[in-house]
């Protein structure tokens, strides 16, 4: 497996959008749809994709692409807060056909290296507490991350 990481380019954005659509059927937008049916008359990805892609467009200089044999297999985005010396992983995704090969872990390791080189003192990442996020939690804990605060989203139907 020829794994290579590089900085994202504008040409990568359609592939990133496809990965987001394929792997984020585990988040809050999807969960709301499961609980209440179609929200706003549209499927969950109608609401999620613009949120994620908007942030990725804003962070184009802080996205790493992972390719396997020349094919985009995953990506990770991050931010550096120089004043607080905190590096934060925003999105870490691996296309379904490439999951289980250590790509997500390699992306995290590379982001941590970038954080260290930039003088960050703390690395942060957030993830869901549902079963769909269990693999991510295990990966981050293996990478040395520790839980700091738990978060729960509440909802109710308005009548």
N, C-alpha and C. Protein backbone atom coordinates (compact mmCIF):
# COMPACT_ATOMS: atom_id res chain seq x y z
N UNK A 1 0.85 -1.18 0.00
CA UNK A 1 0.00 0.00 0.00
C UNK A 1 0.89 1.24 0.00
N UNK A 2 0.82 2.01 -1.07
CA UNK A 2 1.58 3.24 -1.19
C UNK A 2 0.83 4.41 -0.60
N UNK A 3 1.06 4.72 0.68
CA UNK A 3 0.36 5.79 1.39
C UNK A 3 1.17 7.07 1.31
N UNK A 4 0.50 8.16 0.92
CA UNK A 4 1.17 9.46 0.82
C UNK A 4 0.24 10.54 1.35
N UNK A 5 0.80 11.48 2.13
CA UNK A 5 0.02 12.60 2.64
C UNK A 5 0.54 13.88 2.00
N UNK A 6 -0.41 14.77 1.71
CA UNK A 6 -0.06 16.05 1.09
C UNK A 6 -1.10 17.08 1.50
N UNK A 7 -0.78 18.35 1.26
CA UNK A 7 -1.74 19.41 1.53
C UNK A 7 -2.86 19.36 0.51
N UNK A 8 -4.06 19.72 0.95
CA UNK A 8 -5.22 19.72 0.08
C UNK A 8 -5.13 20.86 -0.93
N UNK A 9 -5.77 20.65 -2.07
CA UNK A 9 -5.91 21.70 -3.08
C UNK A 9 -7.40 21.88 -3.37
N UNK A 10 -7.73 22.93 -4.07
CA UNK A 10 -9.13 23.17 -4.42
C UNK A 10 -9.69 22.02 -5.24
N UNK A 11 -8.87 21.39 -6.05
CA UNK A 11 -9.33 20.28 -6.87
C UNK A 11 -9.75 19.06 -6.05
N UNK A 12 -9.32 18.99 -4.79
CA UNK A 12 -9.66 17.85 -3.92
C UNK A 12 -11.05 17.96 -3.32
N UNK A 13 -11.66 19.13 -3.35
CA UNK A 13 -12.90 19.36 -2.62
C UNK A 13 -14.05 18.42 -3.02
N UNK A 14 -14.26 18.13 -4.29
CA UNK A 14 -15.35 17.18 -4.61
C UNK A 14 -15.13 15.80 -3.99
N UNK A 15 -13.89 15.33 -3.97
CA UNK A 15 -13.61 14.02 -3.36
C UNK A 15 -13.84 14.07 -1.85
N UNK A 16 -13.48 15.19 -1.21
CA UNK A 16 -13.72 15.32 0.23
C UNK A 16 -15.21 15.33 0.52
N UNK A 17 -15.97 16.01 -0.31
CA UNK A 17 -17.43 16.04 -0.12
C UNK A 17 -18.01 14.64 -0.22
N UNK A 18 -17.51 13.84 -1.13
CA UNK A 18 -18.00 12.47 -1.27
C UNK A 18 -17.67 11.65 -0.03
N UNK A 19 -16.48 11.82 0.50
CA UNK A 19 -16.10 11.09 1.72
C UNK A 19 -17.00 11.51 2.88
N UNK A 20 -17.23 12.82 3.02
CA UNK A 20 -18.12 13.31 4.08
C UNK A 20 -19.49 12.66 3.96
N UNK A 21 -20.03 12.63 2.77
CA UNK A 21 -21.36 12.04 2.54
C UNK A 21 -21.36 10.56 2.93
N UNK A 22 -20.28 9.86 2.63
CA UNK A 22 -20.22 8.41 2.88
C UNK A 22 -20.01 8.06 4.34
N UNK A 23 -19.24 8.86 5.07
CA UNK A 23 -18.85 8.43 6.42
C UNK A 23 -19.59 9.12 7.55
N UNK A 24 -20.26 10.25 7.30
CA UNK A 24 -20.86 10.96 8.42
C UNK A 24 -22.33 10.66 8.61
N UNK A 25 -22.75 9.47 8.28
CA UNK A 25 -24.12 9.05 8.60
C UNK A 25 -24.15 8.54 10.04
N UNK A 26 -23.37 9.20 10.90
CA UNK A 26 -23.30 8.83 12.31
C UNK A 26 -23.47 10.05 13.20
N UNK A 27 -23.60 11.23 12.60
CA UNK A 27 -23.63 12.46 13.37
C UNK A 27 -25.02 12.92 13.76
N UNK A 28 -25.08 14.14 14.28
CA UNK A 28 -26.32 14.66 14.83
C UNK A 28 -27.40 14.87 13.77
N UNK A 29 -27.02 15.31 12.57
CA UNK A 29 -28.03 15.50 11.53
C UNK A 29 -28.69 14.18 11.16
N UNK A 30 -27.89 13.14 11.06
CA UNK A 30 -28.42 11.81 10.76
C UNK A 30 -29.29 11.32 11.92
N UNK A 31 -28.82 11.54 13.15
CA UNK A 31 -29.57 11.08 14.33
C UNK A 31 -30.93 11.77 14.43
N UNK A 32 -30.97 13.06 14.11
CA UNK A 32 -32.26 13.76 14.12
C UNK A 32 -33.22 13.15 13.10
N UNK A 33 -32.70 12.83 11.93
CA UNK A 33 -33.54 12.22 10.90
C UNK A 33 -34.04 10.84 11.33
N UNK A 34 -33.17 10.08 11.99
CA UNK A 34 -33.59 8.77 12.48
C UNK A 34 -34.72 8.89 13.50
N UNK A 35 -34.64 9.91 14.33
CA UNK A 35 -35.62 10.08 15.41
C UNK A 35 -36.93 10.68 14.90
N UNK A 36 -36.84 11.69 14.02
CA UNK A 36 -38.03 12.45 13.64
C UNK A 36 -38.43 12.29 12.17
N UNK A 37 -37.67 11.57 11.40
CA UNK A 37 -37.91 11.55 9.97
C UNK A 37 -37.22 12.73 9.31
N UNK A 38 -37.52 12.97 8.07
CA UNK A 38 -36.89 14.04 7.32
C UNK A 38 -37.02 15.38 8.04
N UNK A 39 -35.92 16.08 8.26
CA UNK A 39 -35.91 17.37 8.94
C UNK A 39 -35.84 18.45 7.87
N UNK A 40 -36.80 19.35 7.89
CA UNK A 40 -36.83 20.40 6.89
C UNK A 40 -37.18 19.90 5.50
N UNK A 41 -37.76 18.70 5.43
CA UNK A 41 -38.15 18.15 4.15
C UNK A 41 -37.00 17.65 3.30
N UNK A 42 -35.82 17.51 3.89
CA UNK A 42 -34.63 17.08 3.15
C UNK A 42 -33.91 15.98 3.93
N UNK A 43 -33.06 15.23 3.23
CA UNK A 43 -32.26 14.22 3.92
C UNK A 43 -31.16 14.88 4.73
N UNK A 44 -30.63 14.14 5.70
CA UNK A 44 -29.63 14.64 6.64
C UNK A 44 -28.42 15.25 5.95
N UNK A 45 -27.96 14.67 4.84
CA UNK A 45 -26.74 15.19 4.23
C UNK A 45 -26.95 16.56 3.60
N UNK A 46 -28.20 16.93 3.33
CA UNK A 46 -28.49 18.28 2.83
C UNK A 46 -28.07 19.33 3.85
N UNK A 47 -28.18 18.99 5.13
CA UNK A 47 -27.83 19.94 6.19
C UNK A 47 -26.37 19.81 6.61
N UNK A 48 -25.87 18.61 6.61
CA UNK A 48 -24.50 18.38 7.06
C UNK A 48 -23.47 18.85 6.03
N UNK A 49 -23.65 18.49 4.79
CA UNK A 49 -22.63 18.79 3.78
C UNK A 49 -22.28 20.27 3.71
N UNK A 50 -23.24 21.19 3.66
CA UNK A 50 -22.85 22.61 3.61
C UNK A 50 -22.07 23.06 4.83
N UNK A 51 -22.43 22.56 6.02
CA UNK A 51 -21.71 22.94 7.24
C UNK A 51 -20.26 22.49 7.17
N UNK A 52 -20.06 21.21 6.86
CA UNK A 52 -18.70 20.66 6.83
C UNK A 52 -17.90 21.27 5.69
N UNK A 53 -18.49 21.33 4.52
CA UNK A 53 -17.74 21.83 3.37
C UNK A 53 -17.40 23.31 3.51
N UNK A 54 -18.27 24.09 4.12
CA UNK A 54 -17.96 25.50 4.35
C UNK A 54 -16.72 25.64 5.22
N UNK A 55 -16.68 24.84 6.27
CA UNK A 55 -15.51 24.90 7.16
C UNK A 55 -14.26 24.42 6.42
N UNK A 56 -14.39 23.37 5.64
CA UNK A 56 -13.23 22.88 4.90
C UNK A 56 -12.73 23.92 3.88
N UNK A 57 -13.63 24.59 3.20
CA UNK A 57 -13.21 25.65 2.28
C UNK A 57 -12.46 26.73 3.04
N UNK A 58 -12.94 27.09 4.24
CA UNK A 58 -12.28 28.12 5.05
C UNK A 58 -10.90 27.66 5.52
N UNK A 59 -10.73 26.36 5.71
CA UNK A 59 -9.50 25.82 6.28
C UNK A 59 -8.63 25.13 5.23
N UNK A 60 -8.79 25.47 3.96
CA UNK A 60 -8.10 24.76 2.89
C UNK A 60 -6.58 24.66 3.15
N UNK A 61 -6.01 25.63 3.83
CA UNK A 61 -4.58 25.58 4.13
C UNK A 61 -4.21 24.68 5.29
N UNK A 62 -5.22 24.12 5.95
CA UNK A 62 -4.98 23.25 7.12
C UNK A 62 -5.68 21.91 6.94
N UNK A 63 -5.63 21.39 5.73
CA UNK A 63 -6.20 20.08 5.45
C UNK A 63 -5.12 19.22 4.81
N UNK A 64 -4.98 18.03 5.34
CA UNK A 64 -4.07 17.05 4.74
C UNK A 64 -4.90 15.98 4.05
N UNK A 65 -4.47 15.61 2.87
CA UNK A 65 -5.10 14.56 2.09
C UNK A 65 -4.21 13.33 2.20
N UNK A 66 -4.83 12.18 2.39
CA UNK A 66 -4.09 10.92 2.35
C UNK A 66 -4.50 10.18 1.09
N UNK A 67 -3.50 9.81 0.31
CA UNK A 67 -3.73 9.04 -0.91
C UNK A 67 -3.14 7.64 -0.74
N UNK A 68 -3.84 6.68 -1.28
CA UNK A 68 -3.34 5.32 -1.33
C UNK A 68 -3.27 4.96 -2.81
N UNK A 69 -2.06 4.70 -3.27
CA UNK A 69 -1.85 4.37 -4.67
C UNK A 69 -2.49 5.41 -5.59
N UNK A 70 -2.35 6.70 -5.22
CA UNK A 70 -2.83 7.79 -6.04
C UNK A 70 -4.31 8.12 -5.89
N UNK A 71 -5.04 7.38 -5.06
CA UNK A 71 -6.47 7.61 -4.86
C UNK A 71 -6.69 8.24 -3.48
N UNK A 72 -7.53 9.28 -3.42
CA UNK A 72 -7.81 9.92 -2.13
C UNK A 72 -8.54 8.93 -1.23
N UNK A 73 -7.93 8.65 -0.09
CA UNK A 73 -8.46 7.67 0.85
C UNK A 73 -8.99 8.32 2.12
N UNK A 74 -8.56 9.55 2.40
CA UNK A 74 -9.00 10.21 3.62
C UNK A 74 -8.45 11.61 3.72
N UNK A 75 -8.87 12.30 4.79
CA UNK A 75 -8.37 13.65 5.03
C UNK A 75 -8.49 13.98 6.50
N UNK A 76 -7.71 14.97 6.92
CA UNK A 76 -7.79 15.49 8.27
C UNK A 76 -7.65 17.00 8.18
N UNK A 77 -8.47 17.72 8.96
CA UNK A 77 -8.35 19.17 9.02
C UNK A 77 -8.08 19.57 10.47
N UNK A 78 -7.44 20.71 10.62
CA UNK A 78 -7.01 21.11 11.95
C UNK A 78 -6.88 22.63 12.02
N UNK A 79 -6.71 23.12 13.23
CA UNK A 79 -6.46 24.55 13.46
C UNK A 79 -5.40 24.69 14.54
N UNK A 80 -4.64 25.74 14.43
CA UNK A 80 -3.60 26.06 15.40
C UNK A 80 -3.97 27.37 16.10
N UNK A 81 -4.02 27.35 17.40
CA UNK A 81 -4.28 28.55 18.20
C UNK A 81 -2.97 28.92 18.87
N UNK A 82 -2.23 29.83 18.23
CA UNK A 82 -0.91 30.20 18.73
C UNK A 82 -0.94 30.89 20.08
N UNK A 83 -1.98 31.66 20.35
CA UNK A 83 -2.06 32.38 21.62
C UNK A 83 -2.21 31.41 22.79
N UNK A 84 -3.04 30.40 22.62
CA UNK A 84 -3.24 29.42 23.69
C UNK A 84 -2.33 28.22 23.56
N UNK A 85 -1.69 28.07 22.39
CA UNK A 85 -0.82 26.94 22.07
C UNK A 85 -1.60 25.62 22.08
N UNK A 86 -2.77 25.67 21.43
CA UNK A 86 -3.64 24.51 21.33
C UNK A 86 -3.86 24.18 19.86
N UNK A 87 -3.59 22.95 19.50
CA UNK A 87 -3.91 22.46 18.17
C UNK A 87 -5.17 21.62 18.25
N UNK A 88 -6.10 21.84 17.33
CA UNK A 88 -7.38 21.14 17.37
C UNK A 88 -7.63 20.42 16.06
N UNK A 89 -7.93 19.15 16.15
CA UNK A 89 -8.34 18.38 14.98
C UNK A 89 -9.83 18.64 14.80
N UNK A 90 -10.21 19.08 13.61
CA UNK A 90 -11.63 19.34 13.34
C UNK A 90 -12.29 18.13 12.71
N UNK A 91 -11.78 17.69 11.58
CA UNK A 91 -12.36 16.55 10.88
C UNK A 91 -11.27 15.54 10.57
N UNK A 92 -11.60 14.28 10.76
CA UNK A 92 -10.70 13.18 10.44
C UNK A 92 -11.56 12.10 9.82
N UNK A 93 -11.40 11.87 8.52
CA UNK A 93 -12.29 10.94 7.82
C UNK A 93 -11.50 10.04 6.89
N UNK A 94 -11.96 8.81 6.79
CA UNK A 94 -11.37 7.82 5.88
C UNK A 94 -12.50 7.22 5.07
N UNK A 95 -12.32 7.16 3.76
CA UNK A 95 -13.33 6.60 2.87
C UNK A 95 -13.60 5.15 3.26
N UNK A 96 -14.84 4.71 3.14
CA UNK A 96 -15.21 3.36 3.57
C UNK A 96 -14.32 2.25 3.01
N UNK A 97 -13.92 2.33 1.78
CA UNK A 97 -13.09 1.29 1.18
C UNK A 97 -11.68 1.24 1.71
N UNK A 98 -11.29 2.23 2.51
CA UNK A 98 -9.94 2.29 3.05
C UNK A 98 -9.90 2.24 4.58
N UNK A 99 -11.06 2.04 5.20
CA UNK A 99 -11.09 2.01 6.66
C UNK A 99 -10.47 0.71 7.18
N UNK A 100 -9.93 0.80 8.40
CA UNK A 100 -9.33 -0.38 9.03
C UNK A 100 -7.90 -0.63 8.62
N UNK A 101 -7.30 0.30 7.88
CA UNK A 101 -5.92 0.12 7.41
C UNK A 101 -4.93 1.01 8.15
N UNK A 102 -5.40 1.74 9.16
CA UNK A 102 -4.52 2.61 9.93
C UNK A 102 -4.38 4.01 9.35
N UNK A 103 -5.19 4.36 8.37
CA UNK A 103 -5.08 5.66 7.73
C UNK A 103 -5.51 6.77 8.69
N UNK A 104 -6.61 6.59 9.40
CA UNK A 104 -7.06 7.59 10.36
C UNK A 104 -6.00 7.84 11.43
N UNK A 105 -5.40 6.77 11.91
CA UNK A 105 -4.34 6.90 12.91
C UNK A 105 -3.14 7.64 12.33
N UNK A 106 -2.75 7.32 11.11
CA UNK A 106 -1.62 8.00 10.46
C UNK A 106 -1.91 9.49 10.29
N UNK A 107 -3.16 9.82 9.98
CA UNK A 107 -3.53 11.23 9.83
C UNK A 107 -3.42 11.96 11.17
N UNK A 108 -3.86 11.31 12.24
CA UNK A 108 -3.76 11.91 13.57
C UNK A 108 -2.29 12.09 13.95
N UNK A 109 -1.47 11.09 13.71
CA UNK A 109 -0.04 11.20 14.03
C UNK A 109 0.61 12.35 13.29
N UNK A 110 0.24 12.54 12.02
CA UNK A 110 0.81 13.65 11.23
C UNK A 110 0.32 14.98 11.78
N UNK A 111 -0.95 15.09 12.15
CA UNK A 111 -1.46 16.34 12.73
C UNK A 111 -0.73 16.65 14.03
N UNK A 112 -0.51 15.64 14.87
CA UNK A 112 0.21 15.86 16.13
C UNK A 112 1.64 16.33 15.86
N UNK A 113 2.26 15.81 14.83
CA UNK A 113 3.60 16.25 14.44
C UNK A 113 3.57 17.73 14.05
N UNK A 114 2.57 18.12 13.27
CA UNK A 114 2.42 19.52 12.87
C UNK A 114 2.22 20.39 14.10
N UNK A 115 1.40 19.94 15.04
CA UNK A 115 1.16 20.70 16.26
C UNK A 115 2.46 20.91 17.03
N UNK A 116 3.23 19.85 17.19
CA UNK A 116 4.50 19.95 17.92
C UNK A 116 5.45 20.93 17.22
N UNK A 117 5.57 20.79 15.91
CA UNK A 117 6.47 21.66 15.13
C UNK A 117 6.05 23.12 15.22
N UNK A 118 4.75 23.37 15.40
CA UNK A 118 4.24 24.74 15.50
C UNK A 118 4.27 25.28 16.93
N UNK A 119 4.78 24.47 17.87
CA UNK A 119 4.90 24.92 19.25
C UNK A 119 3.64 24.78 20.08
N UNK A 120 2.70 23.99 19.63
CA UNK A 120 1.49 23.76 20.41
C UNK A 120 1.84 22.93 21.64
N UNK A 121 1.13 23.15 22.73
CA UNK A 121 1.35 22.40 23.96
C UNK A 121 0.25 21.39 24.25
N UNK A 122 -0.93 21.61 23.67
CA UNK A 122 -2.07 20.74 23.90
C UNK A 122 -2.71 20.42 22.55
N UNK A 123 -3.15 19.18 22.39
CA UNK A 123 -3.90 18.77 21.21
C UNK A 123 -5.30 18.38 21.64
N UNK A 124 -6.31 18.83 20.90
CA UNK A 124 -7.71 18.53 21.22
C UNK A 124 -8.42 17.94 20.00
N UNK A 125 -9.43 17.15 20.29
CA UNK A 125 -10.33 16.62 19.26
C UNK A 125 -11.63 16.29 19.94
N UNK A 126 -12.73 16.45 19.22
CA UNK A 126 -14.03 16.09 19.75
C UNK A 126 -14.64 14.99 18.90
N UNK A 127 -15.46 14.17 19.51
CA UNK A 127 -16.16 13.13 18.77
C UNK A 127 -17.45 12.77 19.49
N UNK A 128 -18.36 12.15 18.79
CA UNK A 128 -19.64 11.78 19.37
C UNK A 128 -19.53 10.65 20.37
N UNK A 129 -20.56 10.53 21.19
CA UNK A 129 -20.59 9.48 22.21
C UNK A 129 -21.42 8.29 21.78
N UNK A 130 -22.01 8.36 20.56
CA UNK A 130 -22.84 7.26 20.09
C UNK A 130 -21.98 6.10 19.57
N UNK A 131 -22.63 5.00 19.28
CA UNK A 131 -21.92 3.79 18.83
C UNK A 131 -21.17 4.03 17.53
N UNK A 132 -21.72 4.86 16.65
CA UNK A 132 -21.07 5.14 15.37
C UNK A 132 -19.71 5.79 15.51
N UNK A 133 -19.49 6.49 16.61
CA UNK A 133 -18.21 7.15 16.86
C UNK A 133 -17.26 6.32 17.72
N UNK A 134 -17.67 5.11 18.12
CA UNK A 134 -16.83 4.28 18.98
C UNK A 134 -15.45 4.01 18.38
N UNK A 135 -15.34 3.69 17.09
CA UNK A 135 -14.00 3.47 16.53
C UNK A 135 -13.12 4.72 16.63
N UNK A 136 -13.71 5.89 16.43
CA UNK A 136 -12.93 7.13 16.54
C UNK A 136 -12.45 7.33 17.98
N UNK A 137 -13.34 7.10 18.94
CA UNK A 137 -12.92 7.25 20.34
C UNK A 137 -11.77 6.32 20.67
N UNK A 138 -11.86 5.06 20.22
CA UNK A 138 -10.77 4.09 20.49
C UNK A 138 -9.47 4.57 19.86
N UNK A 139 -9.54 5.07 18.63
CA UNK A 139 -8.33 5.53 17.95
C UNK A 139 -7.70 6.70 18.69
N UNK A 140 -8.52 7.68 19.10
CA UNK A 140 -7.96 8.84 19.79
C UNK A 140 -7.39 8.44 21.15
N UNK A 141 -8.04 7.54 21.85
CA UNK A 141 -7.51 7.10 23.14
C UNK A 141 -6.20 6.35 22.96
N UNK A 142 -6.08 5.52 21.90
CA UNK A 142 -4.81 4.84 21.62
C UNK A 142 -3.71 5.83 21.29
N UNK A 143 -4.09 6.99 20.73
CA UNK A 143 -3.12 8.03 20.38
C UNK A 143 -2.76 8.90 21.59
N UNK A 144 -3.34 8.58 22.76
CA UNK A 144 -2.98 9.29 23.98
C UNK A 144 -3.94 10.39 24.39
N UNK A 145 -5.02 10.60 23.65
CA UNK A 145 -6.01 11.60 24.04
C UNK A 145 -6.81 11.07 25.23
N UNK A 146 -7.20 11.98 26.11
CA UNK A 146 -8.01 11.64 27.28
C UNK A 146 -9.29 12.46 27.26
N UNK A 147 -10.40 11.88 27.70
CA UNK A 147 -11.64 12.66 27.77
C UNK A 147 -11.49 13.83 28.74
N UNK A 148 -12.05 14.97 28.35
CA UNK A 148 -12.02 16.16 29.19
C UNK A 148 -13.43 16.54 29.64
N UNK A 149 -14.37 16.50 28.70
CA UNK A 149 -15.75 16.84 28.99
C UNK A 149 -16.64 16.02 28.07
N UNK A 150 -17.78 15.60 28.57
CA UNK A 150 -18.72 14.88 27.73
C UNK A 150 -19.79 15.85 27.27
N UNK A 151 -20.36 15.58 26.13
CA UNK A 151 -21.36 16.44 25.53
C UNK A 151 -22.55 15.60 25.12
N UNK A 152 -23.72 16.13 25.32
CA UNK A 152 -24.92 15.42 24.93
C UNK A 152 -25.83 16.42 24.22
N UNK A 153 -26.36 16.01 23.08
CA UNK A 153 -27.30 16.84 22.35
C UNK A 153 -28.71 16.39 22.72
N UNK A 154 -29.56 17.35 23.08
CA UNK A 154 -30.94 17.06 23.38
C UNK A 154 -31.82 17.62 22.27
N UNK A 155 -32.96 17.00 22.07
CA UNK A 155 -33.90 17.52 21.09
C UNK A 155 -35.31 17.21 21.55
N UNK A 156 -36.27 17.91 20.96
CA UNK A 156 -37.67 17.62 21.19
C UNK A 156 -38.45 18.15 20.02
N UNK A 157 -39.55 17.51 19.77
CA UNK A 157 -40.44 17.98 18.70
C UNK A 157 -41.25 19.15 19.26
N UNK A 158 -41.36 20.20 18.50
CA UNK A 158 -42.16 21.36 18.88
C UNK A 158 -43.54 21.22 18.28
N UNK A 159 -44.53 21.54 19.06
CA UNK A 159 -45.91 21.38 18.60
C UNK A 159 -46.64 22.70 18.64
